[in-house]
Amino acid sequence: MNTALKRIRIVCAVVFVAGIGGIIATSIVSNNNGGIIGIGLVTSIAAIVLLTASTIATNKHIDAFDEVAAEQLERQVSALVASGANEDAVREAVRAAIDLGRSIS
């Protein structure tokens, strides 16, 4: 896990706990609606920050399909087949190489 995300989560957890305590204490001691709303807003902002940070940090990027690279690979396969290689064997080797690359990354 990303250390920055871990720190954000810890800070937000502290803000949540302090916010709940602050809301309870403010409502008991002074019954000040403005103070209670202010503490609630700070707590809700911490929740929004936590949601945003978690979404951004864990977002998995979709692999982009590179048409130029795919065309070059197809030309290489065609050249191998034209030089006498078995097309099924060449395509199976390409599939195996792709699977290996995906398992490594």
PDB file of N, CA and C in Angstrom:
ATOM      1  N   MET A   1       0.843  -1.183   0.000  1.00  0.00           N
ATOM      2  CA  MET A   1       0.000   0.000   0.000  1.00  0.00           C
ATOM      3  C   MET A   1       0.882   1.238   0.000  1.00  0.00           C
ATOM      4  N   ASN A   2       0.409   2.238  -0.646  1.00  0.00           N
ATOM      5  CA  ASN A   2       1.117   3.511  -0.744  1.00  0.00           C
ATOM      6  C   ASN A   2       1.202   4.155   0.645  1.00  0.00           C
ATOM      7  N   THR A   3       2.391   4.635   1.018  1.00  0.00           N
ATOM      8  CA  THR A   3       2.553   5.237   2.346  1.00  0.00           C
ATOM      9  C   THR A   3       1.766   6.535   2.484  1.00  0.00           C
ATOM     10  N   ALA A   4       1.653   7.285   1.402  1.00  0.00           N
ATOM     11  CA  ALA A   4       0.875   8.527   1.468  1.00  0.00           C
ATOM     12  C   ALA A   4      -0.597   8.208   1.726  1.00  0.00           C
ATOM     13  N   LEU A   5      -1.106   7.180   1.062  1.00  0.00           N
ATOM     14  CA  LEU A   5      -2.502   6.783   1.285  1.00  0.00           C
ATOM     15  C   LEU A   5      -2.698   6.290   2.708  1.00  0.00           C
ATOM     16  N   LYS A   6      -1.717   5.578   3.224  1.00  0.00           N
ATOM     17  CA  LYS A   6      -1.798   5.090   4.603  1.00  0.00           C
ATOM     18  C   LYS A   6      -1.869   6.263   5.577  1.00  0.00           C
ATOM     19  N   ARG A   7      -1.043   7.266   5.343  1.00  0.00           N
ATOM     20  CA  ARG A   7      -1.058   8.450   6.218  1.00  0.00           C
ATOM     21  C   ARG A   7      -2.377   9.194   6.123  1.00  0.00           C
ATOM     22  N   ILE A   8      -2.905   9.321   4.911  1.00  0.00           N
ATOM     23  CA  ILE A   8      -4.199  10.000   4.734  1.00  0.00           C
ATOM     24  C   ILE A   8      -5.284   9.248   5.484  1.00  0.00           C
ATOM     25  N   ARG A   9      -5.260   7.918   5.402  1.00  0.00           N
ATOM     26  CA  ARG A   9      -6.266   7.115   6.107  1.00  0.00           C
ATOM     27  C   ARG A   9      -6.155   7.286   7.623  1.00  0.00           C
ATOM     28  N   ILE A  10      -4.950   7.338   8.129  1.00  0.00           N
ATOM     29  CA  ILE A  10      -4.759   7.515   9.572  1.00  0.00           C
ATOM     30  C   ILE A  10      -5.257   8.882  10.011  1.00  0.00           C
ATOM     31  N   VAL A  11      -4.891   9.922   9.255  1.00  0.00           N
ATOM     32  CA  VAL A  11      -5.333  11.279   9.598  1.00  0.00           C
ATOM     33  C   VAL A  11      -6.856  11.372   9.544  1.00  0.00           C
ATOM     34  N   CYS A  12      -7.454  10.779   8.531  1.00  0.00           N
ATOM     35  CA  CYS A  12      -8.916  10.820   8.425  1.00  0.00           C
ATOM     36  C   CYS A  12      -9.574  10.068   9.576  1.00  0.00           C
ATOM     37  N   ALA A  13      -8.990   8.942   9.985  1.00  0.00           N
ATOM     38  CA  ALA A  13      -9.543   8.195  11.115  1.00  0.00           C
ATOM     39  C   ALA A  13      -9.477   9.028  12.394  1.00  0.00           C
ATOM     40  N   VAL A  14      -8.370   9.733  12.584  1.00  0.00           N
ATOM     41  CA  VAL A  14      -8.240  10.610  13.754  1.00  0.00           C
ATOM     42  C   VAL A  14      -9.281  11.725  13.696  1.00  0.00           C
ATOM     43  N   VAL A  15      -9.477  12.296  12.505  1.00  0.00           N
ATOM     44  CA  VAL A  15     -10.471  13.367  12.348  1.00  0.00           C
ATOM     45  C   VAL A  15     -11.873  12.816  12.613  1.00  0.00           C
ATOM     46  N   PHE A  16     -12.158  11.593  12.162  1.00  0.00           N
ATOM     47  CA  PHE A  16     -13.474  11.002  12.415  1.00  0.00           C
ATOM     48  C   PHE A  16     -13.730  10.837  13.910  1.00  0.00           C
ATOM     49  N   VAL A  17     -12.767  10.253  14.604  1.00  0.00           N
ATOM     50  CA  VAL A  17     -12.930  10.020  16.047  1.00  0.00           C
ATOM     51  C   VAL A  17     -13.036  11.349  16.792  1.00  0.00           C
ATOM     52  N   ALA A  18     -12.156  12.301  16.450  1.00  0.00           N
ATOM     53  CA  ALA A  18     -12.206  13.616  17.099  1.00  0.00           C
ATOM     54  C   ALA A  18     -13.504  14.341  16.748  1.00  0.00           C
ATOM     55  N   GLY A  19     -13.979  14.166  15.528  1.00  0.00           N
ATOM     56  CA  GLY A  19     -15.230  14.814  15.121  1.00  0.00           C
ATOM     57  C   GLY A  19     -16.428  14.301  15.892  1.00  0.00           C
ATOM     58  N   ILE A  20     -16.492  12.986  16.059  1.00  0.00           N
ATOM     59  CA  ILE A  20     -17.609  12.425  16.826  1.00  0.00           C
ATOM     60  C   ILE A  20     -17.545  12.901  18.278  1.00  0.00           C
ATOM     61  N   GLY A  21     -16.344  12.857  18.854  1.00  0.00           N
ATOM     62  CA  GLY A  21     -16.187  13.366  20.228  1.00  0.00           C
ATOM     63  C   GLY A  21     -16.507  14.841  20.320  1.00  0.00           C
ATOM     64  N   GLY A  22     -16.083  15.597  19.333  1.00  0.00           N
ATOM     65  CA  GLY A  22     -16.355  17.039  19.338  1.00  0.00           C
ATOM     66  C   GLY A  22     -17.828  17.353  19.220  1.00  0.00           C
ATOM     67  N   ILE A  23     -18.520  16.608  18.386  1.00  0.00           N
ATOM     68  CA  ILE A  23     -19.967  16.835  18.249  1.00  0.00           C
ATOM     69  C   ILE A  23     -20.677  16.526  19.564  1.00  0.00           C
ATOM     70  N   ILE A  24     -20.301  15.409  20.197  1.00  0.00           N
ATOM     71  CA  ILE A  24     -20.937  15.036  21.470  1.00  0.00           C
ATOM     72  C   ILE A  24     -20.611  16.057  22.556  1.00  0.00           C
ATOM     73  N   ALA A  25     -19.331  16.431  22.650  1.00  0.00           N
ATOM     74  CA  ALA A  25     -18.933  17.385  23.697  1.00  0.00           C
ATOM     75  C   ALA A  25     -19.580  18.743  23.488  1.00  0.00           C
ATOM     76  N   THR A  26     -19.617  19.206  22.244  1.00  0.00           N
ATOM     77  CA  THR A  26     -20.207  20.520  21.968  1.00  0.00           C
ATOM     78  C   THR A  26     -21.702  20.521  22.255  1.00  0.00           C
ATOM     79  N   SER A  27     -22.374  19.431  21.928  1.00  0.00           N
ATOM     80  CA  SER A  27     -23.817  19.395  22.183  1.00  0.00           C
ATOM     81  C   SER A  27     -24.125  19.317  23.679  1.00  0.00           C
ATOM     82  N   ILE A  28     -23.235  18.684  24.467  1.00  0.00           N
ATOM     83  CA  ILE A  28     -23.458  18.595  25.915  1.00  0.00           C
ATOM     84  C   ILE A  28     -23.107  19.911  26.615  1.00  0.00           C
ATOM     85  N   VAL A  29     -21.947  20.487  26.259  1.00  0.00           N
ATOM     86  CA  VAL A  29     -21.444  21.652  26.986  1.00  0.00           C
ATOM     87  C   VAL A  29     -22.195  22.921  26.632  1.00  0.00           C
ATOM     88  N   SER A  30     -22.303  23.235  25.340  1.00  0.00           N
ATOM     89  CA  SER A  30     -22.834  24.557  25.004  1.00  0.00           C
ATOM     90  C   SER A  30     -24.100  24.533  24.166  1.00  0.00           C
ATOM     91  N   ASN A  31     -24.439  23.395  23.611  1.00  0.00           N
ATOM     92  CA  ASN A  31     -25.596  23.290  22.734  1.00  0.00           C
ATOM     93  C   ASN A  31     -25.539  24.348  21.626  1.00  0.00           C
ATOM     94  N   ASN A  32     -24.321  24.572  21.112  1.00  0.00           N
ATOM     95  CA  ASN A  32     -24.092  25.561  20.061  1.00  0.00           C
ATOM     96  C   ASN A  32     -24.234  24.873  18.708  1.00  0.00           C
ATOM     97  N   ASN A  33     -25.295  25.213  18.000  1.00  0.00           N
ATOM     98  CA  ASN A  33     -25.541  24.569  16.704  1.00  0.00           C
ATOM     99  C   ASN A  33     -24.457  24.901  15.680  1.00  0.00           C
ATOM    100  N   GLY A  34     -23.931  26.101  15.727  1.00  0.00           N
ATOM    101  CA  GLY A  34     -22.875  26.483  14.787  1.00  0.00           C
ATOM    102  C   GLY A  34     -21.611  25.655  14.972  1.00  0.00           C
ATOM    103  N   GLY A  35     -21.249  25.419  16.219  1.00  0.00           N
ATOM    104  CA  GLY A  35     -20.070  24.596  16.512  1.00  0.00           C
ATOM    105  C   GLY A  35     -20.267  23.159  16.080  1.00  0.00           C
ATOM    106  N   ILE A  36     -21.462  22.644  16.339  1.00  0.00           N
ATOM    107  CA  ILE A  36     -21.760  21.262  15.946  1.00  0.00           C
ATOM    108  C   ILE A  36     -21.721  21.120  14.426  1.00  0.00           C
ATOM    109  N   ILE A  37     -22.302  22.063  13.725  1.00  0.00           N
ATOM    110  CA  ILE A  37     -22.306  22.020  12.258  1.00  0.00           C
ATOM    111  C   ILE A  37     -20.882  22.165  11.721  1.00  0.00           C
ATOM    112  N   GLY A  38     -20.088  23.041  12.313  1.00  0.00           N
ATOM    113  CA  GLY A  38     -18.693  23.209  11.878  1.00  0.00           C
ATOM    114  C   GLY A  38     -17.882  21.937  12.030  1.00  0.00           C
ATOM    115  N   ILE A  39     -18.027  21.286  13.178  1.00  0.00           N
ATOM    116  CA  ILE A  39     -17.304  20.030  13.406  1.00  0.00           C
ATOM    117  C   ILE A  39     -17.808  18.956  12.433  1.00  0.00           C
ATOM    118  N   GLY A  40     -19.102  18.916  12.205  1.00  0.00           N
ATOM    119  CA  GLY A  40     -19.661  17.957  11.251  1.00  0.00           C
ATOM    120  C   GLY A  40     -19.152  18.193   9.838  1.00  0.00           C
ATOM    121  N   LEU A  41     -19.014  19.457   9.442  1.00  0.00           N
ATOM    122  CA  LEU A  41     -18.490  19.772   8.108  1.00  0.00           C
ATOM    123  C   LEU A  41     -17.033  19.336   7.957  1.00  0.00           C
ATOM    124  N   VAL A  42     -16.236  19.563   8.994  1.00  0.00           N
ATOM    125  CA  VAL A  42     -14.837  19.132   8.946  1.00  0.00           C
ATOM    126  C   VAL A  42     -14.756  17.617   8.834  1.00  0.00           C
ATOM    127  N   THR A  43     -15.604  16.911   9.585  1.00  0.00           N
ATOM    128  CA  THR A  43     -15.625  15.453   9.532  1.00  0.00           C
ATOM    129  C   THR A  43     -16.067  14.965   8.152  1.00  0.00           C
ATOM    130  N   SER A  44     -17.063  15.608   7.572  1.00  0.00           N
ATOM    131  CA  SER A  44     -17.523  15.190   6.240  1.00  0.00           C
ATOM    132  C   SER A  44     -16.482  15.498   5.165  1.00  0.00           C
ATOM    133  N   ILE A  45     -15.736  16.579   5.321  1.00  0.00           N
ATOM    134  CA  ILE A  45     -14.657  16.876   4.367  1.00  0.00           C
ATOM    135  C   ILE A  45     -13.573  15.805   4.463  1.00  0.00           C
ATOM    136  N   ALA A  46     -13.287  15.350   5.687  1.00  0.00           N
ATOM    137  CA  ALA A  46     -12.316  14.266   5.853  1.00  0.00           C
ATOM    138  C   ALA A  46     -12.802  12.998   5.156  1.00  0.00           C
ATOM    139  N   ALA A  47     -14.103  12.728   5.209  1.00  0.00           N
ATOM    140  CA  ALA A  47     -14.654  11.557   4.524  1.00  0.00           C
ATOM    141  C   ALA A  47     -14.510  11.686   3.013  1.00  0.00           C
ATOM    142  N   ILE A  48     -14.753  12.874   2.489  1.00  0.00           N
ATOM    143  CA  ILE A  48     -14.603  13.107   1.045  1.00  0.00           C
ATOM    144  C   ILE A  48     -13.146  12.955   0.628  1.00  0.00           C
ATOM    145  N   VAL A  49     -12.239  13.473   1.440  1.00  0.00           N
ATOM    146  CA  VAL A  49     -10.803  13.329   1.155  1.00  0.00           C
ATOM    147  C   VAL A  49     -10.412  11.858   1.145  1.00  0.00           C
ATOM    148  N   LEU A  50     -10.907  11.102   2.126  1.00  0.00           N
ATOM    149  CA  LEU A  50     -10.592   9.674   2.202  1.00  0.00           C
ATOM    150  C   LEU A  50     -11.128   8.929   0.981  1.00  0.00           C
ATOM    151  N   LEU A  51     -12.356   9.199   0.596  1.00  0.00           N
ATOM    152  CA  LEU A  51     -12.931   8.547  -0.585  1.00  0.00           C
ATOM    153  C   LEU A  51     -12.151   8.890  -1.848  1.00  0.00           C
ATOM    154  N   THR A  52     -11.808  10.156  -2.011  1.00  0.00           N
ATOM    155  CA  THR A  52     -11.075  10.593  -3.199  1.00  0.00           C
ATOM    156  C   THR A  52      -9.690   9.978  -3.248  1.00  0.00           C
ATOM    157  N   ALA A  53      -8.981  10.005  -2.144  1.00  0.00           N
ATOM    158  CA  ALA A  53      -7.621   9.456  -2.115  1.00  0.00           C
ATOM    159  C   ALA A  53      -7.631   7.955  -2.371  1.00  0.00           C
ATOM    160  N   SER A  54      -8.585   7.249  -1.784  1.00  0.00           N
ATOM    161  CA  SER A  54      -8.658   5.801  -1.991  1.00  0.00           C
ATOM    162  C   SER A  54      -9.001   5.467  -3.431  1.00  0.00           C
ATOM    163  N   THR A  55      -9.895   6.238  -4.029  1.00  0.00           N
ATOM    164  CA  THR A  55     -10.279   5.994  -5.422  1.00  0.00           C
ATOM    165  C   THR A  55      -9.115   6.243  -6.362  1.00  0.00           C
ATOM    166  N   ILE A  56      -8.401   7.318  -6.148  1.00  0.00           N
ATOM    167  CA  ILE A  56      -7.286   7.658  -7.031  1.00  0.00           C
ATOM    168  C   ILE A  56      -6.136   6.668  -6.865  1.00  0.00           C
ATOM    169  N   ALA A  57      -5.843   6.280  -5.626  1.00  0.00           N
ATOM    170  CA  ALA A  57      -4.693   5.408  -5.372  1.00  0.00           C
ATOM    171  C   ALA A  57      -4.917   3.982  -5.856  1.00  0.00           C
ATOM    172  N   THR A  58      -6.158   3.509  -5.822  1.00  0.00           N
ATOM    173  CA  THR A  58      -6.417   2.127  -6.191  1.00  0.00           C
ATOM    174  C   THR A  58      -6.974   1.978  -7.590  1.00  0.00           C
ATOM    175  N   ASN A  59      -7.037   3.049  -8.335  1.00  0.00           N
ATOM    176  CA  ASN A  59      -7.578   2.980  -9.691  1.00  0.00           C
ATOM    177  C   ASN A  59      -6.622   2.212 -10.593  1.00  0.00           C
ATOM    178  N   LYS A  60      -7.098   1.131 -11.176  1.00  0.00           N
ATOM    179  CA  LYS A  60      -6.286   0.337 -12.083  1.00  0.00           C
ATOM    180  C   LYS A  60      -6.495   0.848 -13.496  1.00  0.00           C
ATOM    181  N   HIS A  61      -5.396   1.121 -14.142  1.00  0.00           N
ATOM    182  CA  HIS A  61      -5.464   1.647 -15.496  1.00  0.00           C
ATOM    183  C   HIS A  61      -5.705   0.523 -16.484  1.00  0.00           C
ATOM    184  N   ILE A  62      -6.530   0.813 -17.466  1.00  0.00           N
ATOM    185  CA  ILE A  62      -6.815  -0.155 -18.509  1.00  0.00           C
ATOM    186  C   ILE A  62      -5.660  -0.125 -19.502  1.00  0.00           C
ATOM    187  N   ASP A  63      -5.186  -1.307 -19.854  1.00  0.00           N
ATOM    188  CA  ASP A  63      -4.110  -1.377 -20.829  1.00  0.00           C
ATOM    189  C   ASP A  63      -4.599  -0.858 -22.175  1.00  0.00           C
ATOM    190  N   ALA A  64      -3.881   0.093 -22.709  1.00  0.00           N
ATOM    191  CA  ALA A  64      -4.243   0.658 -24.003  1.00  0.00           C
ATOM    192  C   ALA A  64      -3.784  -0.276 -25.105  1.00  0.00           C
ATOM    193  N   PHE A  65      -4.599  -0.423 -26.103  1.00  0.00           N
ATOM    194  CA  PHE A  65      -4.264  -1.262 -27.237  1.00  0.00           C
ATOM    195  C   PHE A  65      -3.489  -0.407 -28.233  1.00  0.00           C
ATOM    196  N   ASP A  66      -2.304  -0.830 -28.540  1.00  0.00           N
ATOM    197  CA  ASP A  66      -1.437  -0.090 -29.443  1.00  0.00           C
ATOM    198  C   ASP A  66      -1.534  -0.708 -30.833  1.00  0.00           C
ATOM    199  N   GLU A  67      -2.286  -0.039 -31.714  1.00  0.00           N
ATOM    200  CA  GLU A  67      -2.512  -0.595 -33.055  1.00  0.00           C
ATOM    201  C   GLU A  67      -1.236  -0.678 -33.867  1.00  0.00           C
ATOM    202  N   VAL A  68      -0.350   0.290 -33.705  1.00  0.00           N
ATOM    203  CA  VAL A  68       0.896   0.287 -34.471  1.00  0.00           C
ATOM    204  C   VAL A  68       1.741  -0.923 -34.085  1.00  0.00           C
ATOM    205  N   ALA A  69       1.852  -1.176 -32.797  1.00  0.00           N
ATOM    206  CA  ALA A  69       2.624  -2.334 -32.345  1.00  0.00           C
ATOM    207  C   ALA A  69       1.965  -3.631 -32.787  1.00  0.00           C
ATOM    208  N   ALA A  70       0.636  -3.668 -32.773  1.00  0.00           N
ATOM    209  CA  ALA A  70      -0.072  -4.872 -33.221  1.00  0.00           C
ATOM    210  C   ALA A  70       0.166  -5.125 -34.707  1.00  0.00           C
ATOM    211  N   GLU A  71       0.166  -4.065 -35.509  1.00  0.00           N
ATOM    212  CA  GLU A  71       0.441  -4.220 -36.952  1.00  0.00           C
ATOM    213  C   GLU A  71       1.868  -4.693 -37.191  1.00  0.00           C
ATOM    214  N   GLN A  72       2.817  -4.149 -36.436  1.00  0.00           N
ATOM    215  CA  GLN A  72       4.209  -4.582 -36.591  1.00  0.00           C
ATOM    216  C   GLN A  72       4.361  -6.051 -36.225  1.00  0.00           C
ATOM    217  N   LEU A  73       3.702  -6.476 -35.161  1.00  0.00           N
ATOM    218  CA  LEU A  73       3.756  -7.878 -34.766  1.00  0.00           C
ATOM    219  C   LEU A  73       3.124  -8.763 -35.827  1.00  0.00           C
ATOM    220  N   GLU A  74       2.012  -8.330 -36.376  1.00  0.00           N
ATOM    221  CA  GLU A  74       1.354  -9.109 -37.431  1.00  0.00           C
ATOM    222  C   GLU A  74       2.256  -9.224 -38.660  1.00  0.00           C
ATOM    223  N   ARG A  75       2.972  -8.150 -39.001  1.00  0.00           N
ATOM    224  CA  ARG A  75       3.907  -8.211 -40.135  1.00  0.00           C
ATOM    225  C   ARG A  75       5.039  -9.193 -39.856  1.00  0.00           C
ATOM    226  N   GLN A  76       5.515  -9.205 -38.605  1.00  0.00           N
ATOM    227  CA  GLN A  76       6.579 -10.144 -38.243  1.00  0.00           C
ATOM    228  C   GLN A  76       6.090 -11.590 -38.321  1.00  0.00           C
ATOM    229  N   VAL A  77       4.868 -11.826 -37.862  1.00  0.00           N
ATOM    230  CA  VAL A  77       4.297 -13.168 -37.957  1.00  0.00           C
ATOM    231  C   VAL A  77       4.136 -13.559 -39.420  1.00  0.00           C
ATOM    232  N   SER A  78       3.643 -12.641 -40.239  1.00  0.00           N
ATOM    233  CA  SER A  78       3.470 -12.924 -41.673  1.00  0.00           C
ATOM    234  C   SER A  78       4.809 -13.215 -42.337  1.00  0.00           C
ATOM    235  N   ALA A  79       5.845 -12.477 -41.944  1.00  0.00           N
ATOM    236  CA  ALA A  79       7.173 -12.711 -42.519  1.00  0.00           C
ATOM    237  C   ALA A  79       7.710 -14.082 -42.120  1.00  0.00           C
ATOM    238  N   LEU A  80       7.482 -14.474 -40.880  1.00  0.00           N
ATOM    239  CA  LEU A  80       7.918 -15.802 -40.438  1.00  0.00           C
ATOM    240  C   LEU A  80       7.166 -16.902 -41.176  1.00  0.00           C
ATOM    241  N   VAL A  81       5.867 -16.709 -41.352  1.00  0.00           N
ATOM    242  CA  VAL A  81       5.069 -17.700 -42.077  1.00  0.00           C
ATOM    243  C   VAL A  81       5.502 -17.755 -43.535  1.00  0.00           C
ATOM    244  N   ALA A  82       5.804 -16.599 -44.147  1.00  0.00           N
ATOM    245  CA  ALA A  82       6.251 -16.561 -45.543  1.00  0.00           C
ATOM    246  C   ALA A  82       7.609 -17.243 -45.708  1.00  0.00           C
ATOM    247  N   SER A  83       8.413 -17.217 -44.644  1.00  0.00           N
ATOM    248  CA  SER A  83       9.729 -17.852 -44.752  1.00  0.00           C
ATOM    249  C   SER A  83       9.664 -19.354 -44.468  1.00  0.00           C
ATOM    250  N   GLY A  84       8.447 -19.861 -44.210  1.00  0.00           N
ATOM    251  CA  GLY A  84       8.300 -21.302 -44.078  1.00  0.00           C
ATOM    252  C   GLY A  84       7.926 -21.796 -42.700  1.00  0.00           C
ATOM    253  N   ALA A  85       7.754 -20.905 -41.715  1.00  0.00           N
ATOM    254  CA  ALA A  85       7.388 -21.348 -40.368  1.00  0.00           C
ATOM    255  C   ALA A  85       5.913 -21.722 -40.326  1.00  0.00           C
ATOM    256  N   ASN A  86       5.579 -22.614 -39.430  1.00  0.00           N
ATOM    257  CA  ASN A  86       4.197 -23.033 -39.248  1.00  0.00           C
ATOM    258  C   ASN A  86       3.430 -21.899 -38.570  1.00  0.00           C
ATOM    259  N   GLU A  87       2.357 -21.430 -39.213  1.00  0.00           N
ATOM    260  CA  GLU A  87       1.622 -20.277 -38.702  1.00  0.00           C
ATOM    261  C   GLU A  87       1.016 -20.545 -37.328  1.00  0.00           C
ATOM    262  N   ASP A  88       0.454 -21.724 -37.123  1.00  0.00           N
ATOM    263  CA  ASP A  88      -0.147 -22.046 -35.827  1.00  0.00           C
ATOM    264  C   ASP A  88       0.902 -22.048 -34.715  1.00  0.00           C
ATOM    265  N   ALA A  89       2.080 -22.561 -35.003  1.00  0.00           N
ATOM    266  CA  ALA A  89       3.148 -22.596 -34.005  1.00  0.00           C
ATOM    267  C   ALA A  89       3.633 -21.186 -33.672  1.00  0.00           C
ATOM    268  N   VAL A  90       3.739 -20.336 -34.694  1.00  0.00           N
ATOM    269  CA  VAL A  90       4.186 -18.956 -34.466  1.00  0.00           C
ATOM    270  C   VAL A  90       3.161 -18.209 -33.627  1.00  0.00           C
ATOM    271  N   ARG A  91       1.869 -18.342 -33.954  1.00  0.00           N
ATOM    272  CA  ARG A  91       0.824 -17.644 -33.197  1.00  0.00           C
ATOM    273  C   ARG A  91       0.736 -18.171 -31.764  1.00  0.00           C
ATOM    274  N   GLU A  92       0.959 -19.461 -31.578  1.00  0.00           N
ATOM    275  CA  GLU A  92       0.970 -20.020 -30.224  1.00  0.00           C
ATOM    276  C   GLU A  92       2.145 -19.463 -29.421  1.00  0.00           C
ATOM    277  N   ALA A  93       3.291 -19.292 -30.078  1.00  0.00           N
ATOM    278  CA  ALA A  93       4.454 -18.709 -29.404  1.00  0.00           C
ATOM    279  C   ALA A  93       4.185 -17.257 -29.016  1.00  0.00           C
ATOM    280  N   VAL A  94       3.497 -16.524 -29.877  1.00  0.00           N
ATOM    281  CA  VAL A  94       3.143 -15.134 -29.576  1.00  0.00           C
ATOM    282  C   VAL A  94       2.183 -15.089 -28.383  1.00  0.00           C
ATOM    283  N   ARG A  95       1.167 -15.967 -28.369  1.00  0.00           N
ATOM    284  CA  ARG A  95       0.226 -16.020 -27.243  1.00  0.00           C
ATOM    285  C   ARG A  95       0.949 -16.334 -25.927  1.00  0.00           C
ATOM    286  N   ALA A  96       1.877 -17.283 -25.996  1.00  0.00           N
ATOM    287  CA  ALA A  96       2.632 -17.642 -24.797  1.00  0.00           C
ATOM    288  C   ALA A  96       3.487 -16.477 -24.305  1.00  0.00           C
ATOM    289  N   ALA A  97       4.072 -15.727 -25.246  1.00  0.00           N
ATOM    290  CA  ALA A  97       4.873 -14.570 -24.857  1.00  0.00           C
ATOM    291  C   ALA A  97       3.998 -13.488 -24.221  1.00  0.00           C
ATOM    292  N   ILE A  98       2.804 -13.293 -24.755  1.00  0.00           N
ATOM    293  CA  ILE A  98       1.884 -12.296 -24.187  1.00  0.00           C
ATOM    294  C   ILE A  98       1.470 -12.717 -22.785  1.00  0.00           C
ATOM    295  N   ASP A  99       1.127 -13.996 -22.613  1.00  0.00           N
ATOM    296  CA  ASP A  99       0.737 -14.492 -21.286  1.00  0.00           C
ATOM    297  C   ASP A  99       1.877 -14.335 -20.278  1.00  0.00           C
ATOM    298  N   LEU A 100       3.099 -14.627 -20.720  1.00  0.00           N
ATOM    299  CA  LEU A 100       4.250 -14.474 -19.843  1.00  0.00           C
ATOM    300  C   LEU A 100       4.435 -13.016 -19.439  1.00  0.00           C
ATOM    301  N   GLY A 101       4.318 -12.114 -20.397  1.00  0.00           N
ATOM    302  CA  GLY A 101       4.455 -10.686 -20.104  1.00  0.00           C
ATOM    303  C   GLY A 101       3.397 -10.192 -19.134  1.00  0.00           C
ATOM    304  N   ARG A 102       2.164 -10.693 -19.277  1.00  0.00           N
ATOM    305  CA  ARG A 102       1.085 -10.289 -18.365  1.00  0.00           C
ATOM    306  C   ARG A 102       1.306 -10.832 -16.965  1.00  0.00           C
ATOM    307  N   SER A 103       1.844 -12.045 -16.871  1.00  0.00           N
ATOM    308  CA  SER A 103       2.047 -12.624 -15.545  1.00  0.00           C
ATOM    309  C   SER A 103       3.185 -11.949 -14.795  1.00  0.00           C
ATOM    310  N   ILE A 104       4.147 -11.405 -15.514  1.00  0.00           N
ATOM    311  CA  ILE A 104       5.278 -10.726 -14.881  1.00  0.00           C
ATOM    312  C   ILE A 104       4.874  -9.353 -14.370  1.00  0.00           C
ATOM    313  N   SER A 105       4.069  -8.635 -15.129  1.00  0.00           N
ATOM    314  CA  SER A 105       3.722  -7.260 -14.740  1.00  0.00           C
ATOM    315  C   SER A 105       2.564  -7.169 -13.825  1.00  0.00           C
TER     316      SER A 105
END
